[in-house]
């Protein structure tokens, strides 16, 4: 079976070098945090993270990614294990989880308080998450009513087990309910909204193409076909339950 490569990408506004006139300490810190968070997100997506995937995610050259990974290793955030790829240390995981939690709280705040659409909040939250303390994030979370998820269904309590799985791993013929979306690129979210694959949507996986890798669904009596990219980033549970 061919190894799946991640399609996740950091938002353009958060790529290294954007809006940075000279390298300041704050800019370097933000870049380090973005790399650590990126490695965490990639590991959640494809489990084994390579330098090439980090470069693709950050939209930088392999050389630039290698230089930063060495810096992260020196700072104690990451290790590179033979045949296992890049792995965050406990220090790296704790930083990444703090950033991801802040990101999800901010996404909820931006949608609830500023009435932004779900495809607009990811990039803004990506920029804000580096500038607020844990205490400030907690205050925002409480003001928002202590939401359990971001607008895309991902838990604010990072790594909480929702009992779900990617649509690609669901059994054919099973009535399903969408729980969350793990690829938050604006164009991807707009596409999912256009075909009705949003958290809470009910659907049936009617078949999986063995040759063309297309997943055939039924939703509200309509037939729908999606590619593997959608099937791996739309997570589901058995309809009427909280898990499989």
Foldseek 3Di string as FASTA:
>chain_A
DDQDADPAAADPCQAQPHPDDDDDPLSVVSNLLVLLLVVVLRCVQRVADALVSSCRRRVHDSVVSVVSVVVCVVVQQWDQDPPRGIDGDPVSVVSNLQLVLQLQLQQQCCCPVVVDDQLPRNNVSSVCSSPDDSVVSVVSCVVSVNDQTHQFQAGSNPPDDQQKAFQLPDDAFFWKFWRGFSHNHSVVVVVCVVVVLGGGFIKGFHDADPPQRWTWIAGPNDIDIDHVNNRSGTMIAGPPDRHD
